[in-house]
């Protein structure tokens, strides 16, 4: 199992709450729902390459504070009892200027019927003139291990109202977790994504190319399957309410 990241999931990016509904002068609410051909986070499938239905509900305050919940179906195979991931988050979104924002939050990952997978994570992301710098850190992954995910990205607008985002990330574990066929091991791997998105017919459409530098043997040693870390294309259609 590998955790979802906010940038990859598209939950919190620059100006993330543009579609929020005003409740009063101070509070607003945003709901999102989307269908994805695969649920990939940090390059690895959480649904064994099968589709995922995802949704979120976020309450925002005019100060920049926010809190919410995000959910998706998951499938880790074997004897895993959980079929759902529920993420509860709270944070602060700081609009420093028109071109610079800082988002900080705490995320609690919950897997119903399999609480041994639950853990919490700190998240921070700086967005400046299209460039993204961010990281997620936990010290209780799998009940004992620390993990740091760091990434850099860039976003720009293309012709025909199309946006492009590129991201390169490193997932670093405290202990060796990935074992190759020759018996060697490592505690970190790299992943990357190129994403095109466009709003059309009242829906937000996206197409992503996602890959990692993990071999099939390394993937199988940790995830139990050879094909959930390989290169893939993920398509999605979502809607913000």
Protein backbone atom coordinates (compact mmCIF):
# COMPACT_ATOMS: atom_id res chain seq x y z
CA UNK A 1 0.00 0.00 0.00
CA UNK A 2 1.25 3.44 -0.84
CA UNK A 3 -0.37 6.71 0.23
CA UNK A 4 -2.15 9.18 -1.95
CA UNK A 5 -0.65 12.61 -2.47
CA UNK A 6 -2.66 15.72 -2.77
CA UNK A 7 -0.91 17.03 -5.83
CA UNK A 8 -1.33 13.76 -7.64
CA UNK A 9 -4.96 13.46 -6.71
CA UNK A 10 -5.69 17.02 -7.75
CA UNK A 11 -7.38 17.76 -4.45
CA UNK A 12 -5.25 20.71 -3.40
CA UNK A 13 -3.33 22.72 -5.98
CA UNK A 14 -2.93 26.41 -6.67
CA UNK A 15 -6.24 28.23 -6.14
CA UNK A 16 -7.82 24.87 -5.23
CA UNK A 17 -11.25 26.12 -4.23
CA UNK A 18 -12.30 28.19 -7.24
CA UNK A 19 -15.68 26.42 -7.40
CA UNK A 20 -16.57 26.69 -3.72
CA UNK A 21 -20.14 27.62 -2.82
CA UNK A 22 -20.47 30.52 -0.38
CA UNK A 23 -22.37 29.61 2.79
CA UNK A 24 -21.99 33.04 4.40
CA UNK A 25 -19.43 35.84 4.55
CA UNK A 26 -16.80 33.59 6.15
CA UNK A 27 -17.49 29.99 5.15
CA UNK A 28 -17.76 28.19 1.82
CA UNK A 29 -18.07 24.56 0.75
CA UNK A 30 -16.61 22.66 -2.16
CA UNK A 31 -17.61 19.17 -3.29
CA UNK A 32 -15.80 17.15 -5.96
CA UNK A 33 -16.51 13.82 -7.62
CA UNK A 34 -14.53 12.03 -10.29
CA UNK A 35 -14.08 8.77 -12.18
CA UNK A 36 -10.50 7.63 -12.84
CA UNK A 37 -9.30 4.76 -15.03
CA UNK A 38 -6.78 3.91 -12.27
CA UNK A 39 -6.00 5.25 -8.80
CA UNK A 40 -2.29 5.99 -8.88
CA UNK A 41 -0.46 7.72 -6.08
CA UNK A 42 3.26 8.39 -6.16
CA UNK A 43 3.34 6.25 -9.28
CA UNK A 44 1.80 3.10 -7.81
CA UNK A 45 -1.71 1.76 -8.39
CA UNK A 46 -3.97 1.46 -5.36
CA UNK A 47 -6.65 -0.43 -7.32
CA UNK A 48 -4.53 -3.02 -9.19
CA UNK A 49 -4.90 -0.93 -12.36
CA UNK A 50 -8.69 -0.90 -12.11
CA UNK A 51 -10.95 2.21 -12.18
CA UNK A 52 -11.67 4.30 -9.11
CA UNK A 53 -14.54 6.53 -8.04
CA UNK A 54 -13.31 9.39 -5.87
CA UNK A 55 -14.91 12.30 -4.07
CA UNK A 56 -14.18 15.05 -1.58
CA UNK A 57 -15.97 17.58 0.59
CA UNK A 58 -14.09 20.62 1.91
CA UNK A 59 -15.21 23.36 4.30
CA UNK A 60 -13.26 26.63 3.93
CA UNK A 61 -12.91 29.75 6.02
CA UNK A 62 -12.10 33.18 4.61
CA UNK A 63 -8.90 33.21 6.72
CA UNK A 64 -7.45 30.39 4.59
CA UNK A 65 -8.19 27.59 7.06
CA UNK A 66 -9.91 24.51 5.68
CA UNK A 67 -10.92 20.96 6.64
CA UNK A 68 -12.46 18.10 4.75
CA UNK A 69 -12.65 14.46 3.75
CA UNK A 70 -11.59 12.60 0.60
CA UNK A 71 -12.44 9.01 -0.34
CA UNK A 72 -11.70 6.40 -2.99
CA UNK A 73 -12.14 2.69 -3.53
CA UNK A 74 -8.92 0.65 -3.22
CA UNK A 75 -7.84 -2.92 -3.89
CA UNK A 76 -4.57 -4.22 -2.41
CA UNK A 77 -5.29 -7.86 -3.29
CA UNK A 78 -4.48 -11.00 -1.34
CA UNK A 79 -6.30 -11.09 2.02
CA UNK A 80 -6.72 -7.33 2.38
CA UNK A 81 -10.07 -6.63 4.02
CA UNK A 82 -10.32 -2.95 3.18
CA UNK A 83 -11.92 -1.73 -0.01
CA UNK A 84 -11.94 1.97 0.78
CA UNK A 85 -9.56 4.77 1.67
CA UNK A 86 -10.82 7.75 3.68
CA UNK A 87 -8.55 10.77 4.12
CA UNK A 88 -9.36 13.43 6.69
CA UNK A 89 -7.42 16.67 6.36
CA UNK A 90 -7.11 20.12 7.89
CA UNK A 91 -4.82 22.93 6.84
CA UNK A 92 -4.10 26.51 5.92
CA UNK A 93 -3.90 27.96 2.41
CA UNK A 94 -1.94 31.22 2.27
CA UNK A 95 -2.34 33.42 -0.80
CA UNK A 96 0.93 35.33 -0.49
CA UNK A 97 0.50 37.15 -3.82
CA UNK A 98 -1.18 36.63 -7.18
CA UNK A 99 1.66 34.29 -8.18
CA UNK A 100 2.76 32.75 -4.88
CA UNK A 101 0.82 30.47 -2.51
CA UNK A 102 1.71 28.20 0.40
CA UNK A 103 -0.43 25.26 1.48
CA UNK A 104 0.22 23.37 4.73
CA UNK A 105 -1.94 20.58 6.13
CA UNK A 106 -2.20 17.41 8.19
CA UNK A 107 -3.76 14.30 6.62
CA UNK A 108 -5.06 11.22 8.41
CA UNK A 109 -5.33 8.15 6.17
CA UNK A 110 -8.00 5.67 7.30
CA UNK A 111 -8.69 2.21 5.84
CA UNK A 112 -11.95 0.75 7.19
CA UNK A 113 -11.74 -2.85 8.41
CA UNK A 114 -7.94 -2.76 8.27
CA UNK A 115 -6.80 -0.20 10.80
CA UNK A 116 -3.20 -1.45 10.75
CA UNK A 117 -2.78 0.56 7.54
CA UNK A 118 -3.91 3.84 9.14
CA UNK A 119 -1.37 6.63 9.58
CA UNK A 120 -0.99 10.42 9.61
CA UNK A 121 1.10 12.67 7.40
CA UNK A 122 2.22 16.32 7.27
CA UNK A 123 2.04 18.11 3.92
CA UNK A 124 3.48 21.39 2.61
CA UNK A 125 3.48 22.84 -0.90
CA UNK A 126 4.86 26.10 -2.27
CA UNK A 127 3.52 27.30 -5.63
CA UNK A 128 5.41 30.19 -7.23
CA UNK A 129 5.07 31.40 -10.83
CA UNK A 130 4.00 27.97 -12.02
CA UNK A 131 6.66 26.03 -10.11
CA UNK A 132 5.66 23.55 -7.39
CA UNK A 133 7.89 22.51 -4.49
CA UNK A 134 6.40 20.18 -1.92
CA UNK A 135 6.74 17.35 0.51
CA UNK A 136 4.87 14.91 2.76
CA UNK A 137 6.31 13.38 5.92
CA UNK A 138 5.17 10.69 8.35
CA UNK A 139 6.92 8.91 11.21
CA UNK A 140 4.38 6.12 11.69
CA UNK A 141 3.97 4.51 8.27
CA UNK A 142 3.20 0.79 8.72
CA UNK A 143 3.22 1.49 12.48
CA UNK A 144 6.99 1.95 12.73
CA UNK A 145 8.61 3.52 9.68
CA UNK A 146 9.24 7.13 8.70
CA UNK A 147 8.74 8.21 5.11
CA UNK A 148 9.47 11.42 3.20
CA UNK A 149 7.95 12.20 -0.17
CA UNK A 150 9.41 15.25 -1.92
CA UNK A 151 8.54 16.58 -5.35
CA UNK A 152 9.06 19.36 -7.83
CA UNK A 153 6.67 20.30 -10.60
CA UNK A 154 5.63 22.89 -13.10
CA UNK A 155 2.28 23.94 -14.53
CA UNK A 156 1.45 26.07 -17.56
CA UNK A 157 -1.40 26.84 -19.92
CA UNK A 158 -1.33 25.56 -23.50
CA UNK A 159 -3.47 26.63 -26.47
CA UNK A 160 -7.14 25.62 -26.65
CA UNK A 161 -7.65 26.20 -22.89
CA UNK A 162 -5.53 23.15 -22.04
CA UNK A 163 -3.32 22.99 -18.94
CA UNK A 164 -0.17 20.91 -18.55
CA UNK A 165 1.43 19.77 -15.30
CA UNK A 166 4.69 17.86 -14.89
CA UNK A 167 5.91 16.39 -11.61
CA UNK A 168 9.02 14.50 -10.50
CA UNK A 169 9.05 12.95 -7.04
CA UNK A 170 11.17 10.86 -4.67
CA UNK A 171 9.65 8.55 -2.05
CA UNK A 172 12.19 7.82 0.68
CA UNK A 173 11.63 5.20 3.40
CA UNK A 174 13.60 4.82 6.60
CA UNK A 175 14.34 1.14 5.98
CA UNK A 176 15.08 -0.80 2.77
CA UNK A 177 11.73 -1.81 1.32
CA UNK A 178 12.33 -2.59 -2.36
CA UNK A 179 14.22 -5.77 -3.29
CA UNK A 180 15.43 -6.65 -6.77
CA UNK A 181 15.89 -10.10 -8.32
CA UNK A 182 19.65 -10.06 -7.60
CA UNK A 183 19.03 -9.61 -3.87
CA UNK A 184 19.97 -5.93 -3.67
CA UNK A 185 17.65 -3.50 -1.91
CA UNK A 186 16.96 0.21 -1.65
CA UNK A 187 14.90 2.51 0.55
CA UNK A 188 13.84 5.07 -2.08
CA UNK A 189 12.40 5.22 -5.57
CA UNK A 190 11.49 7.96 -8.07
CA UNK A 191 8.25 8.59 -9.95
CA UNK A 192 7.01 11.14 -12.49
CA UNK A 193 3.85 12.33 -14.20
CA UNK A 194 2.89 14.45 -17.20
CA UNK A 195 -0.74 15.57 -17.08
CA UNK A 196 -2.95 17.37 -19.58
CA UNK A 197 -6.28 18.76 -18.41
CA UNK A 198 -9.15 20.73 -19.89
CA UNK A 199 -12.67 21.76 -18.91
CA UNK A 200 -15.25 20.78 -21.51
CA UNK A 201 -18.97 19.94 -21.46
CA UNK A 202 -19.16 21.10 -17.81
CA UNK A 203 -16.62 18.45 -16.75
CA UNK A 204 -12.91 18.56 -15.91
CA UNK A 205 -11.06 16.07 -18.13
CA UNK A 206 -7.48 14.90 -17.67
CA UNK A 207 -4.99 12.51 -19.24
CA UNK A 208 -1.80 11.54 -17.40
CA UNK A 209 1.30 9.53 -18.24
CA UNK A 210 2.69 8.04 -14.99
CA UNK A 211 5.79 5.93 -14.37
CA UNK A 212 8.37 4.90 -11.72
CA UNK A 213 11.95 3.64 -11.76
CA UNK A 214 10.94 0.43 -9.93
CA UNK A 215 11.60 -2.89 -11.64
CA UNK A 216 8.93 -5.57 -11.76
CA UNK A 217 10.81 -7.57 -9.12
CA UNK A 218 11.09 -4.55 -6.80
CA UNK A 219 7.42 -3.79 -7.26
CA UNK A 220 6.42 -7.38 -6.50
CA UNK A 221 8.66 -7.52 -3.41
CA UNK A 222 6.68 -4.73 -1.75
CA UNK A 223 3.27 -4.61 -3.37
CA UNK A 224 2.93 -8.29 -4.22
CA UNK A 225 2.27 -7.59 -7.90
CA UNK A 226 4.65 -6.84 -10.77
CA UNK A 227 2.45 -4.55 -12.85
CA UNK A 228 1.19 -1.91 -10.39
CA UNK A 229 4.36 0.24 -10.58
CA UNK A 230 4.83 0.21 -14.36
CA UNK A 231 4.18 3.00 -16.85
CA UNK A 232 0.54 3.70 -17.56
CA UNK A 233 -1.90 6.29 -18.88
CA UNK A 234 -4.68 7.44 -16.54
CA UNK A 235 -7.79 9.20 -17.84
CA UNK A 236 -10.32 10.96 -15.66
CA UNK A 237 -13.52 12.99 -15.71
CA UNK A 238 -14.50 15.01 -12.65
CA UNK A 239 -16.87 17.72 -11.51
CA UNK A 240 -16.67 20.38 -8.80
CA UNK A 241 -19.91 21.51 -7.17
